[in-house]
Every structure is written in structure tokens, then in C-alpha cells.
Amino acid sequence: MEYLLILPLIWLFICVSGIAPLILLRFSNFSPVASPVPIFEKAISVINPTWIDANGFQGKSAIEPMGIPMAIFTNFDETVALAVYFAANQRIVDLVSQFPGEISLTTSTTIDGPLLPSPPGILYQGFPGYDVKDLLRIHQDGVDLLKQHLKTEPLPYGDVADGMRQFTARHLSYLMFRPWKILTLPYRYAVIRKARQELTLQQQEQKGIIHWESLAGQADGWP
């Protein structure tokens, strides 16, 4: 009987632990650091700088939200942002592209993206342990698929760090107005994030996770 009383407390603790980083990130400083060189040096120590140049990426900014050093690069037309950072002693690489209608695609080396319920149009592909060149190929395949179904082109980035700040604010606002979704965090942590590991956009569509008609309508409604 005592165990039955403890279970709701454990569930609540997981929910609070899951939403806390997003709250802290919302109020973090996304301004460029005064000395970006050490952060970029750390980034290129785990990603071949020759690969970075060959694929048209250039250093954009270095930030430290929540004290996490993050180097940000963008490709030649600024439609793909590459973020390299270190959290919990692991290297994480994110590739992000944005589309009209507040639609975005993130392809990452972590599977934690689907942990928090997201606003409509936030798409995620998690491929832990993948090399950055394979990650870029998967991301580009996803971008091409979105271009085909949305009948539009990815939007160029302006200030990537400020875009991250706005995205975090939108994500937190979405959850604060739907607090019941926060209660799904333990299930999403234990089941959903692992079930969606190494699923491309096409595979997610086949499993009914995403729906092209809905996304196309969201993109068409963008002013």
C-alpha cells in the first residue's frame, strides 16, 4: 500500500525534473560570449574542420546558455544551423532547419528531443552515436522531404542564438497553457523517446507520428 502512495510522488518528481531545464533555459543568457575562440576550438576538436569547410559551414556565434558551451555554425545559404555542445559529459550535435509556419526540423545525436511535448510543427530525428557527415545526410533527406510536401523552401537564419531563445519561449508557453501535457513526461521518457530513436521523417510518417496534410496546412497559413 505504501508503494502505491509513493508512485504518484515519483511520477510528479519526474515531471518536475523534466520541465525544469526548459524553464532554466528560457531565462538563460543567449548572448554571444566575449571570448568565442575556446568554444569553437572545443567544437572542432570533435568535428573535422576540413569537413566543416567542405560542407560550407562557417562559425556564426558561441554562446553559453545554462553554462553549456555551444558553438553555432551555419551553411552557405544559412538554411542549416549546426550546433555543437557538451552536456552531461557527452558531445551533442544538432542540425536544424526552419520552414514557414513555425515548422522546424532538428536532427540530433541525442534521443531526448521528443521528451517534452512540442508545439505543432516541431519535428525531430534522433540518431545517437552517428557521425556528423551521416547526420547531415539524414537531415538533408528530411529537408528535401519537407520541401516536397510543404511546397516551400527552408527559411534562412538571421540570429541563430536569438532564434533559439524565441523557440524556447514558445515551447515553454505551449506547455504552461497545457499543463496536463507535462504529466506525460515519465511515459515519454521511458517509451516514446526510445521508440522514435533512429526514425527518419519518412518512417515517422509511415507510423502515423507526423501528417503531411497538417504540416502543409500549417505552412500555408503562415503570413
Protein backbone atom coordinates (compact mmCIF):
# COMPACT_ATOMS: atom_id res chain seq x y z
CA MET A 1 0.00 0.00 0.00
CA GLU A 2 2.83 2.39 0.83
CA TYR A 3 4.33 1.78 -2.60
CA LEU A 4 1.06 2.88 -4.21
CA LEU A 5 1.27 6.16 -2.30
CA ILE A 6 4.89 6.71 -3.34
CA LEU A 7 4.32 6.11 -7.07
CA PRO A 8 2.42 9.41 -7.69
CA LEU A 9 5.21 11.29 -5.91
CA ILE A 10 7.83 9.64 -8.11
CA TRP A 11 5.75 10.45 -11.20
CA LEU A 12 5.46 14.08 -10.11
CA PHE A 13 9.19 14.29 -9.39
CA ILE A 14 9.99 13.07 -12.92
CA CYS A 15 7.60 15.65 -14.37
CA VAL A 16 9.21 18.50 -12.42
CA SER A 17 12.71 17.27 -13.29
CA GLY A 18 11.77 17.16 -16.97
CA ILE A 19 10.28 20.64 -17.23
CA ALA A 20 12.88 22.39 -15.02
CA PRO A 21 15.67 22.52 -17.68
CA LEU A 22 13.29 24.18 -20.15
CA ILE A 23 12.36 26.81 -17.56
CA LEU A 24 16.02 27.46 -16.77
CA LEU A 25 16.85 27.62 -20.48
CA ARG A 26 14.04 30.12 -21.06
CA PHE A 27 15.71 32.58 -18.72
CA SER A 28 19.30 31.83 -19.74
CA ASN A 29 21.61 34.24 -21.50
CA PHE A 30 21.82 33.57 -25.25
CA SER A 31 24.14 36.50 -25.93
CA PRO A 32 27.44 35.74 -27.70
CA VAL A 33 30.30 35.20 -25.29
CA ALA A 34 33.16 37.70 -25.12
CA SER A 35 35.79 35.02 -25.92
CA PRO A 36 34.36 32.60 -28.51
CA VAL A 37 37.66 31.03 -29.60
CA PRO A 38 37.90 28.36 -26.83
CA ILE A 39 34.35 27.20 -27.53
CA PHE A 40 34.98 26.91 -31.28
CA GLU A 41 38.27 25.14 -30.62
CA LYS A 42 36.46 22.58 -28.48
CA ALA A 43 33.87 22.09 -31.23
CA ILE A 44 36.41 21.46 -33.99
CA SER A 45 38.26 19.06 -31.71
CA VAL A 46 35.36 16.62 -32.20
CA ILE A 47 34.36 17.61 -35.75
CA ASN A 48 36.92 17.67 -38.54
CA PRO A 49 37.39 21.33 -39.56
CA THR A 50 38.05 20.16 -43.12
CA TRP A 51 34.56 18.63 -43.17
CA ILE A 52 33.10 21.87 -41.83
CA ASP A 53 34.72 23.89 -44.63
CA ALA A 54 33.94 21.32 -47.34
CA ASN A 55 30.23 21.46 -46.47
CA GLY A 56 30.08 25.23 -46.50
CA PHE A 57 29.68 25.79 -42.76
CA GLN A 58 31.08 28.89 -41.10
CA GLY A 59 31.26 29.89 -37.46
CA LYS A 60 28.27 32.05 -36.52
CA SER A 61 28.44 32.57 -32.76
CA ALA A 62 29.42 31.00 -29.46
CA ILE A 63 27.02 31.05 -26.53
CA GLU A 64 26.73 29.53 -23.04
CA PRO A 65 23.06 29.05 -22.10
CA MET A 66 22.82 27.44 -18.66
CA GLY A 67 26.62 27.49 -18.65
CA ILE A 68 26.77 24.96 -21.53
CA PRO A 69 29.39 25.97 -24.15
CA MET A 70 27.81 25.86 -27.60
CA ALA A 71 29.41 26.62 -30.96
CA ILE A 72 27.00 27.53 -33.75
CA PHE A 73 27.76 27.26 -37.46
CA THR A 74 25.56 27.91 -40.50
CA ASN A 75 25.89 26.65 -44.06
CA PHE A 76 26.50 28.89 -47.07
CA ASP A 77 22.86 29.98 -47.51
CA GLU A 78 22.12 29.91 -43.75
CA THR A 79 19.30 27.36 -44.11
CA VAL A 80 21.01 24.81 -41.85
CA ALA A 81 22.32 25.63 -38.39
CA LEU A 82 24.89 23.30 -36.84
CA ALA A 83 25.20 23.41 -33.05
CA VAL A 84 27.95 21.55 -31.21
CA TYR A 85 27.82 21.43 -27.41
CA PHE A 86 28.71 19.29 -24.43
CA ALA A 87 26.18 18.29 -21.80
CA ALA A 88 26.46 15.62 -19.10
CA ASN A 89 29.93 14.75 -20.39
CA GLN A 90 28.69 13.89 -23.86
CA ARG A 91 29.13 15.63 -27.18
CA ILE A 92 25.86 16.57 -28.83
CA VAL A 93 25.42 17.72 -32.42
CA ASP A 94 22.19 19.31 -33.64
CA LEU A 95 21.35 20.20 -37.23
CA VAL A 96 18.34 22.49 -37.51
CA SER A 97 16.35 23.93 -40.43
CA GLN A 98 13.27 26.13 -40.24
CA PHE A 99 10.28 26.49 -42.55
CA PRO A 100 7.29 28.84 -42.81
CA GLY A 101 4.54 28.31 -40.24
CA GLU A 102 6.98 27.88 -37.34
CA ILE A 103 7.87 24.43 -38.65
CA SER A 104 11.36 23.20 -37.88
CA LEU A 105 13.38 20.03 -38.26
CA THR A 106 16.11 19.03 -35.81
CA THR A 107 18.38 16.07 -36.50
CA SER A 108 20.47 15.25 -33.45
CA THR A 109 22.85 12.79 -31.82
CA THR A 110 20.61 12.70 -28.73
CA ILE A 111 17.22 11.00 -28.45
CA ASP A 112 15.94 13.40 -25.79
CA GLY A 113 14.21 15.75 -28.24
CA PRO A 114 10.79 14.04 -28.06
CA LEU A 115 10.91 14.03 -24.24
CA LEU A 116 8.91 17.25 -23.92
CA PRO A 117 5.60 17.63 -25.77
CA SER A 118 6.18 20.22 -28.50
CA PRO A 119 4.07 22.77 -30.36
CA PRO A 120 2.74 21.60 -33.75
CA GLY A 121 5.37 21.58 -36.48
CA ILE A 122 8.37 20.76 -34.31
CA LEU A 123 9.95 17.73 -35.98
CA TYR A 124 12.79 15.68 -34.58
CA GLN A 125 15.11 12.91 -35.70
CA GLY A 126 17.42 11.32 -33.11
CA PHE A 127 20.42 9.23 -34.17
CA PRO A 128 22.73 8.70 -31.16
CA GLY A 129 26.35 7.94 -31.93
CA TYR A 130 26.12 8.89 -35.59
CA ASP A 131 28.97 10.69 -37.31
CA VAL A 132 28.22 14.26 -38.33
CA LYS A 133 28.52 13.51 -42.05
CA ASP A 134 25.84 10.79 -41.78
CA LEU A 135 23.75 13.09 -39.60
CA LEU A 136 23.89 15.79 -42.28
CA ARG A 137 22.84 13.32 -44.97
CA ILE A 138 19.82 12.23 -42.91
CA HIS A 139 18.96 15.85 -42.16
CA GLN A 140 19.18 16.88 -45.80
CA ASP A 141 16.93 13.97 -46.78
CA GLY A 142 14.41 15.27 -44.24
CA VAL A 143 14.69 18.83 -45.57
CA ASP A 144 14.13 17.58 -49.14
CA LEU A 145 11.06 15.66 -47.97
CA LEU A 146 9.67 18.77 -46.27
CA LYS A 147 10.29 20.87 -49.37
CA GLN A 148 8.40 18.31 -51.43
CA HIS A 149 5.36 18.09 -49.16
CA LEU A 150 5.19 21.69 -47.96
CA LYS A 151 5.88 23.08 -51.43
CA THR A 152 8.16 25.69 -49.93
CA GLU A 153 11.82 26.35 -49.20
CA PRO A 154 13.60 26.45 -45.82
CA LEU A 155 13.98 29.90 -44.31
CA PRO A 156 17.43 31.43 -43.88
CA TYR A 157 18.59 32.07 -40.34
CA GLY A 158 19.32 35.53 -39.06
CA ASP A 159 20.48 35.45 -35.47
CA VAL A 160 20.54 31.73 -34.64
CA ALA A 161 21.01 32.27 -30.90
CA ASP A 162 18.05 34.64 -30.74
CA GLY A 163 16.02 32.11 -32.73
CA MET A 164 16.86 29.52 -30.08
CA ARG A 165 15.71 31.90 -27.36
CA GLN A 166 12.40 32.50 -29.14
CA PHE A 167 11.92 28.79 -29.75
CA THR A 168 12.46 28.05 -26.04
CA ALA A 169 9.98 30.75 -25.03
CA ARG A 170 7.38 29.39 -27.46
CA HIS A 171 7.92 25.83 -26.23
CA LEU A 172 7.56 26.79 -22.58
CA SER A 173 4.48 28.91 -23.27
CA TYR A 174 2.91 25.97 -25.11
CA LEU A 175 3.36 23.72 -22.06
CA MET A 176 2.33 26.31 -19.48
CA PHE A 177 -1.04 26.70 -21.23
CA ARG A 178 -1.36 22.90 -21.44
CA PRO A 179 -0.05 21.72 -18.04
CA TRP A 180 -1.70 18.31 -18.43
CA LYS A 181 0.85 17.50 -21.15
CA ILE A 182 3.64 17.80 -18.59
CA LEU A 183 2.15 14.80 -16.79
CA THR A 184 3.08 12.62 -19.79
CA LEU A 185 6.83 13.15 -19.23
CA PRO A 186 7.54 9.84 -17.42
CA TYR A 187 5.85 7.89 -20.23
CA ARG A 188 7.60 9.92 -22.91
CA TYR A 189 10.95 9.37 -21.19
CA ALA A 190 10.52 5.62 -20.77
CA VAL A 191 8.73 4.81 -24.03
CA ILE A 192 8.35 7.50 -26.69
CA ARG A 193 11.89 8.83 -26.91
CA LYS A 194 13.27 5.31 -27.36
CA ALA A 195 10.50 4.24 -29.75
CA ARG A 196 11.36 7.18 -32.03
CA GLN A 197 15.11 6.55 -31.95
CA GLU A 198 16.63 6.35 -35.43
CA LEU A 199 13.34 7.06 -37.20
CA THR A 200 13.58 9.28 -40.27
CA LEU A 201 10.75 11.65 -41.19
CA GLN A 202 9.54 9.18 -43.79
CA GLN A 203 9.42 6.38 -41.21
CA GLN A 204 7.62 8.67 -38.76
CA GLU A 205 5.01 9.42 -41.41
CA GLN A 206 4.54 5.70 -42.06
CA LYS A 207 3.97 5.14 -38.32
CA GLY A 208 1.44 7.98 -38.14
CA ILE A 209 3.63 10.20 -35.95
CA ILE A 210 3.57 13.08 -38.44
CA HIS A 211 0.98 14.01 -41.06
CA TRP A 212 1.95 15.86 -44.21
CA GLU A 213 -1.51 17.37 -44.77
CA SER A 214 -1.50 19.01 -41.35
CA LEU A 215 2.04 20.34 -41.80
CA ALA A 216 1.25 21.66 -45.28
CA GLY A 217 -1.78 23.50 -43.89
CA GLN A 218 0.36 24.98 -41.12
CA ALA A 219 2.91 26.21 -43.65
CA ASP A 220 0.20 27.65 -45.93
CA GLY A 221 -1.30 29.60 -43.03
CA TRP A 222 1.95 31.42 -42.38
CA PRO A 223 1.63 35.17 -43.08
